[in-house]
C-alpha atoms as a PDB file:
ATOM      1  CA  MET A   1       0.000   0.000   0.000  1.00  0.00           C
ATOM      2  CA  TRP A   2       2.718   2.530   0.964  1.00  0.00           C
ATOM      3  CA  LYS A   3       4.478   1.912  -2.365  1.00  0.00           C
ATOM      4  CA  ASP A   4       1.355   3.017  -4.243  1.00  0.00           C
ATOM      5  CA  HIS A   5       1.044   6.072  -2.015  1.00  0.00           C
ATOM      6  CA  ILE A   6       4.639   7.166  -2.459  1.00  0.00           C
ATOM      7  CA  SER A   7       4.330   6.831  -6.230  1.00  0.00           C
ATOM      8  CA  ILE A   8       1.198   9.017  -6.319  1.00  0.00           C
ATOM      9  CA  ILE A   9       2.618  11.553  -3.892  1.00  0.00           C
ATOM     10  CA  SER A  10       5.894  11.740  -5.850  1.00  0.00           C
ATOM     11  CA  GLN A  11       3.966  12.548  -9.015  1.00  0.00           C
ATOM     12  CA  ASP A  12       1.870  15.200  -7.293  1.00  0.00           C
ATOM     13  CA  MET A  13       4.986  16.774  -5.748  1.00  0.00           C
ATOM     14  CA  LYS A  14       6.161  17.740  -9.238  1.00  0.00           C
ATOM     15  CA  GLN A  15       3.249  20.162  -9.517  1.00  0.00           C
ATOM     16  CA  ALA A  16       3.652  21.662  -6.022  1.00  0.00           C
ATOM     17  CA  ASP A  17       5.002  25.094  -5.164  1.00  0.00           C
ATOM     18  CA  ASP A  18       8.578  25.068  -3.834  1.00  0.00           C
ATOM     19  CA  LYS A  19       7.370  26.383  -0.463  1.00  0.00           C
ATOM     20  CA  TYR A  20       5.682  23.024   0.168  1.00  0.00           C
ATOM     21  CA  LEU A  21       8.632  20.810  -0.760  1.00  0.00           C
ATOM     22  CA  PRO A  22      11.518  19.456   1.369  1.00  0.00           C
ATOM     23  CA  THR A  23      14.131  22.122   2.047  1.00  0.00           C
ATOM     24  CA  SER A  24      17.920  21.740   2.137  1.00  0.00           C
ATOM     25  CA  PHE A  25      18.150  19.755   5.387  1.00  0.00           C
ATOM     26  CA  TRP A  26      15.320  17.366   4.568  1.00  0.00           C
ATOM     27  CA  GLN A  27      16.455  16.722   0.996  1.00  0.00           C
ATOM     28  CA  PHE A  28      19.258  14.697   2.610  1.00  0.00           C
ATOM     29  CA  GLY A  29      16.879  12.885   4.917  1.00  0.00           C
ATOM     30  CA  ALA A  30      14.161  12.102   2.387  1.00  0.00           C
ATOM     31  CA  LYS A  31      16.531  10.186   0.122  1.00  0.00           C
ATOM     32  CA  GLY A  32      17.763   7.922   2.905  1.00  0.00           C
ATOM     33  CA  LEU A  33      14.256   7.323   4.237  1.00  0.00           C
ATOM     34  CA  GLU A  34      12.933   6.322   0.847  1.00  0.00           C
ATOM     35  CA  GLN A  35      15.879   3.965   0.292  1.00  0.00           C
ATOM     36  CA  ASP A  36      15.358   2.314   3.682  1.00  0.00           C
ATOM     37  CA  LEU A  37      11.626   1.995   3.018  1.00  0.00           C
ATOM     38  CA  HIS A  38      12.222   0.081  -0.182  1.00  0.00           C
ATOM     39  CA  GLN A  39      14.924  -2.068   1.411  1.00  0.00           C
ATOM     40  CA  HIS A  40      13.368  -2.843   4.811  1.00  0.00           C
ATOM     41  CA  GLY A  41       9.653  -2.104   4.500  1.00  0.00           C
ATOM     42  CA  ILE A  42       7.627   0.057   6.845  1.00  0.00           C
ATOM     43  CA  GLU A  43       6.864  -2.439   9.637  1.00  0.00           C
ATOM     44  CA  ASN A  44      10.195  -1.838  11.441  1.00  0.00           C
ATOM     45  CA  PHE A  45      10.620   1.855  10.613  1.00  0.00           C
ATOM     46  CA  ARG A  46      11.434   2.889  14.192  1.00  0.00           C
ATOM     47  CA  SER A  47      14.581   0.766  13.990  1.00  0.00           C
ATOM     48  CA  MET A  48      15.733   2.071  10.592  1.00  0.00           C
ATOM     49  CA  THR A  49      19.017   3.996  10.537  1.00  0.00           C
ATOM     50  CA  SER A  50      17.575   6.851   8.471  1.00  0.00           C
ATOM     51  CA  ALA A  51      14.529   7.261  10.746  1.00  0.00           C
ATOM     52  CA  LEU A  52      16.691   7.263  13.883  1.00  0.00           C
ATOM     53  CA  SER A  53      18.889   9.897  12.283  1.00  0.00           C
ATOM     54  CA  TYR A  54      16.042  12.267  11.363  1.00  0.00           C
ATOM     55  CA  PHE A  55      12.667  11.901  13.091  1.00  0.00           C
ATOM     56  CA  VAL A  56      12.807   9.114  15.686  1.00  0.00           C
ATOM     57  CA  PRO A  57      14.752  10.711  18.570  1.00  0.00           C
ATOM     58  CA  THR A  58      16.476   8.581  21.212  1.00  0.00           C
ATOM     59  CA  TYR A  59      17.949   9.149  24.658  1.00  0.00           C
ATOM     60  CA  MET A  60      20.997   7.023  23.933  1.00  0.00           C
ATOM     61  CA  PHE A  61      24.154   8.942  23.021  1.00  0.00           C
ATOM     62  CA  HIS A  62      24.119  10.403  19.517  1.00  0.00           C
ATOM     63  CA  GLY A  63      24.898   7.687  16.966  1.00  0.00           C
ATOM     64  CA  TRP A  64      24.842   4.844  19.469  1.00  0.00           C
ATOM     65  CA  ALA A  65      21.270   3.857  18.632  1.00  0.00           C
ATOM     66  CA  THR A  66      22.393   2.920  15.129  1.00  0.00           C
ATOM     67  CA  GLN A  67      25.782   1.585  16.277  1.00  0.00           C
ATOM     68  CA  GLN A  68      24.901  -0.663  19.185  1.00  0.00           C
ATOM     69  CA  GLU A  69      28.416  -2.112  19.263  1.00  0.00           C
ATOM     70  CA  LYS A  70      29.616   1.162  20.829  1.00  0.00           C
ATOM     71  CA  TYR A  71      27.159   0.759  23.698  1.00  0.00           C
ATOM     72  CA  HIS A  72      28.025  -2.909  24.271  1.00  0.00           C
ATOM     73  CA  ALA A  73      31.764  -2.159  24.166  1.00  0.00           C
ATOM     74  CA  MET A  74      31.371   0.581  26.775  1.00  0.00           C
ATOM     75  CA  VAL A  75      29.254  -1.668  29.000  1.00  0.00           C
ATOM     76  CA  ALA A  76      31.909  -4.379  28.790  1.00  0.00           C
ATOM     77  CA  THR A  77      34.577  -1.841  29.757  1.00  0.00           C
ATOM     78  CA  CYS A  78      32.512  -0.675  32.744  1.00  0.00           C
ATOM     79  CA  GLU A  79      31.954  -4.241  33.917  1.00  0.00           C
ATOM     80  CA  ARG A  80      35.705  -4.922  33.826  1.00  0.00           C
ATOM     81  CA  GLN A  81      36.609  -1.683  35.605  1.00  0.00           C
ATOM     82  CA  LEU A  82      33.891  -2.059  38.256  1.00  0.00           C
ATOM     83  CA  ASN A  83      35.112  -5.572  39.036  1.00  0.00           C
ATOM     84  CA  GLY A  84      31.783  -7.208  39.891  1.00  0.00           C
ATOM     85  CA  ASP A  85      30.090  -4.252  41.616  1.00  0.00           C
ATOM     86  CA  ALA A  86      26.540  -5.119  40.508  1.00  0.00           C
ATOM     87  CA  LYS A  87      24.876  -1.905  41.668  1.00  0.00           C
ATOM     88  CA  ALA A  88      27.476   0.334  40.054  1.00  0.00           C
ATOM     89  CA  THR A  89      27.211  -1.676  36.824  1.00  0.00           C
ATOM     90  CA  LEU A  90      23.424  -1.251  36.762  1.00  0.00           C
ATOM     91  CA  LEU A  91      23.849   2.480  37.325  1.00  0.00           C
ATOM     92  CA  MET A  92      26.269   2.779  34.403  1.00  0.00           C
ATOM     93  CA  LYS A  93      23.967   0.790  32.130  1.00  0.00           C
ATOM     94  CA  ASP A  94      21.086   3.056  33.157  1.00  0.00           C
ATOM     95  CA  PHE A  95      23.174   6.061  32.168  1.00  0.00           C
ATOM     96  CA  LEU A  96      24.585   4.646  28.944  1.00  0.00           C
ATOM     97  CA  ASN A  97      21.335   3.278  27.514  1.00  0.00           C
ATOM     98  CA  GLY A  98      19.444   6.531  28.092  1.00  0.00           C
ATOM     99  CA  GLU A  99      17.021   5.293  30.742  1.00  0.00           C
ATOM    100  CA  MET A 100      18.396   7.672  33.373  1.00  0.00           C
ATOM    101  CA  HIS A 101      17.600  10.663  31.138  1.00  0.00           C
ATOM    102  CA  ALA A 102      14.177   9.238  30.244  1.00  0.00           C
ATOM    103  CA  ARG A 103      13.344   8.703  33.914  1.00  0.00           C
ATOM    104  CA  SER A 104      14.331  12.305  34.632  1.00  0.00           C
ATOM    105  CA  ASP A 105      11.876  13.532  31.987  1.00  0.00           C
ATOM    106  CA  TYR A 106       9.209  11.221  33.384  1.00  0.00           C
ATOM    107  CA  ARG A 107       9.706  12.686  36.864  1.00  0.00           C
ATOM    108  CA  VAL A 108       9.179  16.196  35.455  1.00  0.00           C
ATOM    109  CA  LEU A 109       6.082  14.917  33.672  1.00  0.00           C
ATOM    110  CA  LYS A 110       4.609  13.512  36.878  1.00  0.00           C
ATOM    111  CA  ALA A 111       5.574  16.517  38.982  1.00  0.00           C
ATOM    112  CA  THR A 112       3.843  18.956  36.595  1.00  0.00           C
ATOM    113  CA  GLU A 113       0.800  16.833  35.741  1.00  0.00           C
ATOM    114  CA  THR A 114      -2.630  18.477  36.086  1.00  0.00           C
ATOM    115  CA  GLN A 115      -6.040  16.889  35.572  1.00  0.00           C
ATOM    116  CA  VAL A 116      -7.275  19.223  32.850  1.00  0.00           C
ATOM    117  CA  LYS A 117      -7.578  18.841  29.077  1.00  0.00           C
ATOM    118  CA  PRO A 118      -5.765  17.582  27.132  1.00  0.00           C
ATOM    119  CA  PHE A 119      -5.650  14.549  29.422  1.00  0.00           C
ATOM    120  CA  THR A 120      -2.452  12.494  29.281  1.00  0.00           C
ATOM    121  CA  ASP A 121      -2.384  10.645  32.608  1.00  0.00           C
ATOM    122  CA  THR A 122      -3.250   7.218  31.159  1.00  0.00           C
ATOM    123  CA  PHE A 123      -1.139   7.458  27.999  1.00  0.00           C
ATOM    124  CA  SER A 124       1.086   4.512  27.113  1.00  0.00           C
ATOM    125  CA  GLU A 125       2.910   4.464  23.795  1.00  0.00           C
ATOM    126  CA  SER A 126       2.293   1.815  21.157  1.00  0.00           C
ATOM    127  CA  ASN A 127       5.171  -0.380  19.980  1.00  0.00           C
ATOM    128  CA  VAL A 128       4.073  -0.131  16.334  1.00  0.00           C
ATOM    129  CA  GLY A 129       7.133   0.282  14.132  1.00  0.00           C
ATOM    130  CA  ASN A 130       9.285  -1.938  16.390  1.00  0.00           C
ATOM    131  CA  PRO A 131      10.994   0.830  18.412  1.00  0.00           C
ATOM    132  CA  LEU A 132      14.665   0.334  19.132  1.00  0.00           C
ATOM    133  CA  GLU A 133      14.361   2.380  22.317  1.00  0.00           C
ATOM    134  CA  GLN A 134      11.324   2.469  24.606  1.00  0.00           C
ATOM    135  CA  PHE A 135      11.131   2.647  28.396  1.00  0.00           C
ATOM    136  CA  GLU A 136       8.473   1.550  30.876  1.00  0.00           C
ATOM    137  CA  PHE A 137       7.607   3.578  33.967  1.00  0.00           C
ATOM    138  CA  ASP A 138       4.703   2.703  36.261  1.00  0.00           C
ATOM    139  CA  GLY A 139       3.486   0.157  33.731  1.00  0.00           C
ATOM    140  CA  ARG A 140       3.337   2.694  30.875  1.00  0.00           C
ATOM    141  CA  ARG A 141       5.592   2.851  27.780  1.00  0.00           C
ATOM    142  CA  PHE A 142       7.388   5.989  26.594  1.00  0.00           C
ATOM    143  CA  SER A 143       9.954   7.016  23.990  1.00  0.00           C
ATOM    144  CA  ARG A 144      11.866  10.278  23.776  1.00  0.00           C
ATOM    145  CA  SER A 145       9.384  11.437  21.153  1.00  0.00           C
ATOM    146  CA  SER A 146       6.322  10.922  23.338  1.00  0.00           C
ATOM    147  CA  LEU A 147       7.973  12.387  26.449  1.00  0.00           C
ATOM    148  CA  ASN A 148       9.013  15.473  24.462  1.00  0.00           C
ATOM    149  CA  TYR A 149       5.388  16.078  23.501  1.00  0.00           C
ATOM    150  CA  LEU A 150       3.996  15.232  26.929  1.00  0.00           C
ATOM    151  CA  LEU A 151       6.287  17.791  28.548  1.00  0.00           C
ATOM    152  CA  GLY A 152       5.215  20.330  25.935  1.00  0.00           C
ATOM    153  CA  ILE A 153       1.557  19.684  26.737  1.00  0.00           C
ATOM    154  CA  ASN A 154       2.249  20.153  30.460  1.00  0.00           C
ATOM    155  CA  PHE A 155       3.959  23.466  29.676  1.00  0.00           C
ATOM    156  CA  LEU A 156       0.892  24.506  27.678  1.00  0.00           C
ATOM    157  CA  LYS A 157      -1.471  23.578  30.527  1.00  0.00           C
ATOM    158  CA  GLN A 158       0.729  25.282  33.098  1.00  0.00           C
ATOM    159  CA  GLN A 159       0.436  28.550  31.184  1.00  0.00           C
ATOM    160  CA  LEU A 160      -3.185  28.364  30.048  1.00  0.00           C
ATOM    161  CA  GLY A 161      -4.964  26.179  32.588  1.00  0.00           C
ATOM    162  CA  SER A 162      -8.086  24.364  31.420  1.00  0.00           C
ATOM    163  CA  ILE A 163      -8.952  25.212  27.815  1.00  0.00           C
ATOM    164  CA  GLU A 164     -10.867  23.434  25.070  1.00  0.00           C
ATOM    165  CA  ILE A 165      -8.508  22.036  22.449  1.00  0.00           C
ATOM    166  CA  ASN A 166     -10.681  20.185  19.954  1.00  0.00           C
ATOM    167  CA  THR A 167      -8.892  20.832  16.658  1.00  0.00           C
ATOM    168  CA  VAL A 168      -5.112  20.503  16.375  1.00  0.00           C
ATOM    169  CA  LEU A 169      -2.811  20.980  13.410  1.00  0.00           C
ATOM    170  CA  GLU A 170       0.797  19.886  13.472  1.00  0.00           C
ATOM    171  CA  ILE A 171       3.302  20.443  10.691  1.00  0.00           C
ATOM    172  CA  GLY A 172       6.178  17.973  10.699  1.00  0.00           C
ATOM    173  CA  GLY A 173       4.684  15.487  13.142  1.00  0.00           C
ATOM    174  CA  GLY A 174       7.365  12.801  12.854  1.00  0.00           C
ATOM    175  CA  PHE A 175       5.710   9.406  13.185  1.00  0.00           C
ATOM    176  CA  GLY A 176       2.563  10.749  14.867  1.00  0.00           C
ATOM    177  CA  SER A 177       3.403  10.868  18.589  1.00  0.00           C
ATOM    178  CA  LEU A 178       1.314  13.957  19.317  1.00  0.00           C
ATOM    179  CA  GLY A 179      -1.639  12.491  17.461  1.00  0.00           C
ATOM    180  CA  GLU A 180      -1.359   9.281  19.452  1.00  0.00           C
ATOM    181  CA  ILE A 181      -1.258  11.201  22.751  1.00  0.00           C
ATOM    182  CA  LEU A 182      -4.281  13.372  21.958  1.00  0.00           C
ATOM    183  CA  LEU A 183      -6.453  10.707  20.315  1.00  0.00           C
ATOM    184  CA  SER A 184      -5.748   7.888  22.772  1.00  0.00           C
ATOM    185  CA  ASP A 185      -7.885   9.500  25.490  1.00  0.00           C
ATOM    186  CA  LYS A 186     -11.546   9.894  24.510  1.00  0.00           C
ATOM    187  CA  ARG A 187     -11.975  12.602  27.154  1.00  0.00           C
ATOM    188  CA  ASN A 188      -9.982  14.929  24.913  1.00  0.00           C
ATOM    189  CA  ASN A 189     -12.634  14.872  22.157  1.00  0.00           C
ATOM    190  CA  CYS A 190      -9.968  15.996  19.735  1.00  0.00           C
ATOM    191  CA  PHE A 191      -9.349  15.963  15.964  1.00  0.00           C
ATOM    192  CA  TYR A 192      -5.681  15.883  14.916  1.00  0.00           C
ATOM    193  CA  LEU A 193      -4.278  16.806  11.487  1.00  0.00           C
ATOM    194  CA  ASP A 194      -0.634  16.169  10.640  1.00  0.00           C
ATOM    195  CA  VAL A 195       0.863  17.871   7.575  1.00  0.00           C
ATOM    196  CA  ASP A 196       4.210  16.460   6.524  1.00  0.00           C
ATOM    197  CA  ILE A 197       6.496  15.954   3.551  1.00  0.00           C
ATOM    198  CA  ALA A 198       7.034  12.654   1.769  1.00  0.00           C
ATOM    199  CA  PRO A 199       8.070  10.076   2.741  1.00  0.00           C
ATOM    200  CA  THR A 200       7.671  11.051   6.425  1.00  0.00           C
ATOM    201  CA  CYS A 201       3.914  11.357   5.977  1.00  0.00           C
ATOM    202  CA  LEU A 202       3.802   7.637   5.158  1.00  0.00           C
ATOM    203  CA  PHE A 203       5.265   6.707   8.547  1.00  0.00           C
ATOM    204  CA  SER A 204       2.772   8.797  10.518  1.00  0.00           C
ATOM    205  CA  THR A 205      -0.079   7.459   8.377  1.00  0.00           C
ATOM    206  CA  TYR A 206       1.038   3.882   8.974  1.00  0.00           C
ATOM    207  CA  TYR A 207       1.571   4.487  12.680  1.00  0.00           C
ATOM    208  CA  LEU A 208      -1.716   6.243  13.416  1.00  0.00           C
ATOM    209  CA  GLN A 209      -3.766   3.884  11.251  1.00  0.00           C
ATOM    210  CA  SER A 210      -2.155   0.909  13.005  1.00  0.00           C
ATOM    211  CA  VAL A 211      -3.013   2.345  16.428  1.00  0.00           C
ATOM    212  CA  PHE A 212      -6.512   3.726  15.703  1.00  0.00           C
ATOM    213  CA  GLY A 213      -7.638   1.832  12.585  1.00  0.00           C
ATOM    214  CA  LYS A 214      -7.600   2.752   8.890  1.00  0.00           C
ATOM    215  CA  ASP A 215     -11.193   3.959   8.915  1.00  0.00           C
ATOM    216  CA  ASN A 216     -10.424   6.498  11.629  1.00  0.00           C
ATOM    217  CA  ILE A 217      -7.319   8.142  10.123  1.00  0.00           C
ATOM    218  CA  ALA A 218      -7.584   9.776   6.693  1.00  0.00           C
ATOM    219  CA  ASP A 219      -4.542   9.464   4.440  1.00  0.00           C
ATOM    220  CA  TYR A 220      -3.265  11.545   1.538  1.00  0.00           C
ATOM    221  CA  GLN A 221      -5.585   9.992  -1.024  1.00  0.00           C
ATOM    222  CA  ASP A 222      -8.629  10.194   1.251  1.00  0.00           C
ATOM    223  CA  ILE A 223      -8.104  13.938   1.554  1.00  0.00           C
ATOM    224  CA  LYS A 224      -7.345  14.293  -2.145  1.00  0.00           C
ATOM    225  CA  SER A 225     -10.674  12.644  -3.009  1.00  0.00           C
ATOM    226  CA  LEU A 226     -12.761  15.071  -0.930  1.00  0.00           C
ATOM    227  CA  GLU A 227     -14.514  17.919  -2.714  1.00  0.00           C
ATOM    228  CA  GLN A 228     -14.255  20.043   0.418  1.00  0.00           C
ATOM    229  CA  THR A 229     -11.578  19.789   3.069  1.00  0.00           C
ATOM    230  CA  SER A 230     -13.013  21.727   5.968  1.00  0.00           C
ATOM    231  CA  LEU A 231     -11.779  20.840   9.419  1.00  0.00           C
ATOM    232  CA  THR A 232     -15.397  20.406  10.523  1.00  0.00           C
ATOM    233  CA  GLN A 233     -16.063  17.886   7.754  1.00  0.00           C
ATOM    234  CA  LEU A 234     -12.856  15.966   8.433  1.00  0.00           C
ATOM    235  CA  ALA A 235     -13.608  15.821  12.167  1.00  0.00           C
ATOM    236  CA  GLN A 236     -17.080  14.425  11.451  1.00  0.00           C
ATOM    237  CA  GLN A 237     -15.629  11.560   9.405  1.00  0.00           C
ATOM    238  CA  TYR A 238     -12.302  10.845  11.103  1.00  0.00           C
ATOM    239  CA  GLN A 239     -10.418  11.048  14.401  1.00  0.00           C
ATOM    240  CA  GLY A 240      -7.328  12.271  12.603  1.00  0.00           C
ATOM    241  CA  ALA A 241      -5.739  12.789   9.199  1.00  0.00           C
ATOM    242  CA  VAL A 242      -2.343  13.000   7.520  1.00  0.00           C
ATOM    243  CA  ALA A 243      -1.873  15.353   4.570  1.00  0.00           C
ATOM    244  CA  CYS A 244       0.969  16.648   2.421  1.00  0.00           C
ATOM    245  CA  PRO A 245       2.017  20.325   2.571  1.00  0.00           C
ATOM    246  CA  TRP A 246       0.549  21.335  -0.791  1.00  0.00           C
ATOM    247  CA  GLN A 247      -2.878  20.221   0.477  1.00  0.00           C
ATOM    248  CA  LEU A 248      -2.744  22.758   3.314  1.00  0.00           C
ATOM    249  CA  PRO A 249      -4.050  25.732   1.262  1.00  0.00           C
ATOM    250  CA  ASN A 250      -7.280  23.792   0.646  1.00  0.00           C
ATOM    251  CA  ILE A 251      -7.917  23.196   4.354  1.00  0.00           C
ATOM    252  CA  SER A 252     -10.576  25.532   5.748  1.00  0.00           C
ATOM    253  CA  GLY A 253     -12.059  26.182   9.179  1.00  0.00           C
ATOM    254  CA  GLU A 254     -10.634  27.192  12.539  1.00  0.00           C
ATOM    255  CA  LEU A 255      -8.047  25.668  14.851  1.00  0.00           C
ATOM    256  CA  ASP A 256      -7.625  25.621  18.592  1.00  0.00           C
ATOM    257  CA  LEU A 257      -3.934  24.718  18.559  1.00  0.00           C
ATOM    258  CA  PHE A 258      -1.033  24.615  16.135  1.00  0.00           C
ATOM    259  CA  VAL A 259       2.117  22.668  17.066  1.00  0.00           C
ATOM    260  CA  ASN A 260       5.559  22.401  15.575  1.00  0.00           C
ATOM    261  CA  PHE A 261       8.330  20.637  17.462  1.00  0.00           C
ATOM    262  CA  ILE A 262      11.847  20.985  16.052  1.00  0.00           C
ATOM    263  CA  SER A 263      11.131  20.610  12.315  1.00  0.00           C
ATOM    264  CA  PHE A 264      10.653  24.353  11.628  1.00  0.00           C
ATOM    265  CA  GLN A 265      14.248  24.906  12.757  1.00  0.00           C
ATOM    266  CA  GLU A 266      15.226  22.510   9.945  1.00  0.00           C
ATOM    267  CA  MET A 267      13.501  24.630   7.262  1.00  0.00           C
ATOM    268  CA  GLU A 268      14.292  27.916   5.555  1.00  0.00           C
ATOM    269  CA  PRO A 269      12.665  31.130   6.869  1.00  0.00           C
ATOM    270  CA  ASP A 270      10.468  31.787   3.804  1.00  0.00           C
ATOM    271  CA  VAL A 271       9.028  28.267   4.052  1.00  0.00           C
ATOM    272  CA  VAL A 272       8.257  28.658   7.774  1.00  0.00           C
ATOM    273  CA  GLU A 273       6.720  32.096   7.184  1.00  0.00           C
ATOM    274  CA  ASN A 274       4.438  30.633   4.515  1.00  0.00           C
ATOM    275  CA  TYR A 275       3.271  27.835   6.825  1.00  0.00           C
ATOM    276  CA  LEU A 276       2.565  30.288   9.639  1.00  0.00           C
ATOM    277  CA  LYS A 277       0.447  32.411   7.294  1.00  0.00           C
ATOM    278  CA  HIS A 278      -1.827  29.380   7.001  1.00  0.00           C
ATOM    279  CA  VAL A 279      -1.847  29.032  10.778  1.00  0.00           C
ATOM    280  CA  ASP A 280      -3.018  32.644  10.965  1.00  0.00           C
ATOM    281  CA  ARG A 281      -5.520  32.110   8.119  1.00  0.00           C
ATOM    282  CA  LEU A 282      -7.128  29.273  10.088  1.00  0.00           C
ATOM    283  CA  ASN A 283      -7.669  31.648  13.019  1.00  0.00           C
ATOM    284  CA  THR A 284      -5.627  29.427  15.321  1.00  0.00           C
ATOM    285  CA  LYS A 285      -6.047  30.314  19.003  1.00  0.00           C
ATOM    286  CA  TYR A 286      -2.703  29.035  20.315  1.00  0.00           C
ATOM    287  CA  VAL A 287       0.685  28.231  18.784  1.00  0.00           C
ATOM    288  CA  LEU A 288       3.146  25.920  20.553  1.00  0.00           C
ATOM    289  CA  LEU A 289       6.662  25.673  19.117  1.00  0.00           C
ATOM    290  CA  ARG A 290       9.902  23.980  20.075  1.00  0.00           C
ATOM    291  CA  ASN A 291      12.963  25.516  18.489  1.00  0.00           C
ATOM    292  CA  LEU A 292      16.714  25.547  18.993  1.00  0.00           C
ATOM    293  CA  ARG A 293      17.371  29.002  20.446  1.00  0.00           C
ATOM    294  CA  GLU A 294      20.789  29.213  18.774  1.00  0.00           C
ATOM    295  CA  GLY A 295      19.465  27.939  15.420  1.00  0.00           C
ATOM    296  CA  LYS A 296      20.094  24.717  13.472  1.00  0.00           C
ATOM    297  CA  GLN A 297      23.567  24.075  12.072  1.00  0.00           C
ATOM    298  CA  LEU A 298      24.277  25.621   8.674  1.00  0.00           C
ATOM    299  CA  ALA A 299      24.728  23.424   5.611  1.00  0.00           C
ATOM    300  CA  LYS A 300      28.352  23.238   4.537  1.00  0.00           C
ATOM    301  CA  ASP A 301      30.856  20.896   2.911  1.00  0.00           C
ATOM    302  CA  GLY A 302      28.101  18.597   1.666  1.00  0.00           C
ATOM    303  CA  HIS A 303      26.691  17.968   5.157  1.00  0.00           C
ATOM    304  CA  ALA A 304      23.013  18.350   6.082  1.00  0.00           C
ATOM    305  CA  GLY A 305      21.970  21.693   7.504  1.00  0.00           C
ATOM    306  CA  VAL A 306      19.989  24.835   6.763  1.00  0.00           C
ATOM    307  CA  LYS A 307      20.888  27.747   4.532  1.00  0.00           C
ATOM    308  CA  GLN A 308      19.549  30.276   7.029  1.00  0.00           C
ATOM    309  CA  GLN A 309      18.752  29.726  10.701  1.00  0.00           C
ATOM    310  CA  ILE A 310      15.375  30.208  12.388  1.00  0.00           C
ATOM    311  CA  LYS A 311      15.451  31.881  15.817  1.00  0.00           C
ATOM    312  CA  GLY A 312      12.895  33.130  18.307  1.00  0.00           C
ATOM    313  CA  GLU A 313      12.658  36.648  16.909  1.00  0.00           C
ATOM    314  CA  ASP A 314      11.769  35.172  13.510  1.00  0.00           C
ATOM    315  CA  TYR A 315       8.661  33.540  14.987  1.00  0.00           C
ATOM    316  CA  ASP A 316       7.708  36.841  16.638  1.00  0.00           C
ATOM    317  CA  ARG A 317       7.918  38.498  13.223  1.00  0.00           C
ATOM    318  CA  PHE A 318       6.080  35.687  11.399  1.00  0.00           C
ATOM    319  CA  LEU A 319       3.205  35.794  13.924  1.00  0.00           C
ATOM    320  CA  PRO A 320       2.176  39.486  13.961  1.00  0.00           C
ATOM    321  CA  ASN A 321      -1.333  38.663  15.215  1.00  0.00           C
ATOM    322  CA  TYR A 322      -0.030  36.690  18.193  1.00  0.00           C
ATOM    323  CA  GLN A 323       1.365  37.541  21.593  1.00  0.00           C
ATOM    324  CA  LEU A 324       4.260  35.573  23.074  1.00  0.00           C
ATOM    325  CA  VAL A 325       2.901  34.153  26.339  1.00  0.00           C
ATOM    326  CA  ALA A 326       5.968  32.292  27.642  1.00  0.00           C
ATOM    327  CA  THR A 327       9.194  30.530  26.741  1.00  0.00           C
ATOM    328  CA  ASN A 328      10.835  27.637  28.552  1.00  0.00           C
ATOM    329  CA  VAL A 329      14.007  25.553  28.446  1.00  0.00           C
ATOM    330  CA  HIS A 330      13.972  24.252  32.026  1.00  0.00           C
ATOM    331  CA  PRO A 331      12.234  21.997  32.887  1.00  0.00           C
ATOM    332  CA  PHE A 332      10.062  21.402  29.787  1.00  0.00           C
ATOM    333  CA  GLY A 333      12.629  21.909  27.028  1.00  0.00           C
ATOM    334  CA  PHE A 334      16.241  20.761  27.010  1.00  0.00           C
ATOM    335  CA  GLU A 335      19.725  22.214  27.412  1.00  0.00           C
ATOM    336  CA  THR A 336      22.489  20.174  25.790  1.00  0.00           C
ATOM    337  CA  ILE A 337      25.740  19.419  27.556  1.00  0.00           C
ATOM    338  CA  ASP A 338      27.531  21.860  25.220  1.00  0.00           C
ATOM    339  CA  GLY A 339      25.152  24.722  25.957  1.00  0.00           C
ATOM    340  CA  PHE A 340      22.503  24.659  23.217  1.00  0.00           C
ATOM    341  CA  ASN A 341      18.910  25.331  24.225  1.00  0.00           C
ATOM    342  CA  SER A 342      15.854  23.560  22.821  1.00  0.00           C
ATOM    343  CA  GLU A 343      13.219  26.121  23.768  1.00  0.00           C
ATOM    344  CA  LEU A 344       9.430  25.906  23.975  1.00  0.00           C
ATOM    345  CA  ARG A 345       7.548  29.010  22.808  1.00  0.00           C
ATOM    346  CA  LEU A 346       3.830  29.567  23.399  1.00  0.00           C
ATOM    347  CA  TYR A 347       1.812  32.196  21.541  1.00  0.00           C
ATOM    348  CA  LYS A 348      -1.779  33.337  21.975  1.00  0.00           C
ATOM    349  CA  ARG A 349      -3.874  34.985  19.283  1.00  0.00           C
ATOM    350  CA  GLN A 350      -4.584  38.633  20.048  1.00  0.00           C
ATOM    351  CA  LEU A 351      -8.183  39.789  20.059  1.00  0.00           C
ATOM    352  CA  THR A 352      -8.989  42.075  17.125  1.00  0.00           C
END
């Protein structure tokens, strides 16, 4: 099925405006993802090297998830040096395999949890896609992707309290973690739309349809076949949907929340500005972003990167009808060991 979809999408991409196509950074990623898809199939995508390098984040040290021999070699070294100290060995394994970091994020999640919408207190992540890294706490499963989003939701609720979030748009939703979180609890009464480039859209389609059923998640062709693509109509027929960027101009209606985590920082400013014009057009009430404060690395010497960096002041300029409510790195975002800051930014639409 995905092979038919990628063929149709590839043909349609040729007619799309450049502002809806993969930019410099993702042109590298898209090629590897498509190659891995054809070689390995989609069933194990969360273990594919290309996916782990681009949209399936892990807690394990950078590169170790795809080179497990480095982890095993370090564990063996620790075991020799610790000379049979079982507790110390367990502690080192906990650190090296990423579980210590994951548990830290889970503790923040629990400490900041509030019983208001969107509800997340019963969420447990699916193992669709055969994840290479997934941790269990209190009988519930989490990956770095789901914990990133859960912390973002807690930040949102901390700032806004109890609000109705019934229609959500995400651009660049990875494999669908946010959709899974929002749709897995019926109390949320939420419709989720993910807009993403090919072939990433195929992974989120596969993931969400596997978790919630094909009849409940519209795919690219389902949306293409509709005469009207209003959010109200989509929400009446489906729990969620996955579309390609060039379909976004045809979406009509109003949104409660727009989300982008990390992928805007991997695009060029004119592309991000164009997407945010649609967010404004859809009269979105709240905008939640996660962006590297210092900006993504620049493309050079044939390595993946961006031509021009996106920083906080760019979002302020691209969202003239919105007020910046709050920013956060600690505890909901992340500061790297070498001093880079993955920052959450929350905007609220100004009354006109």
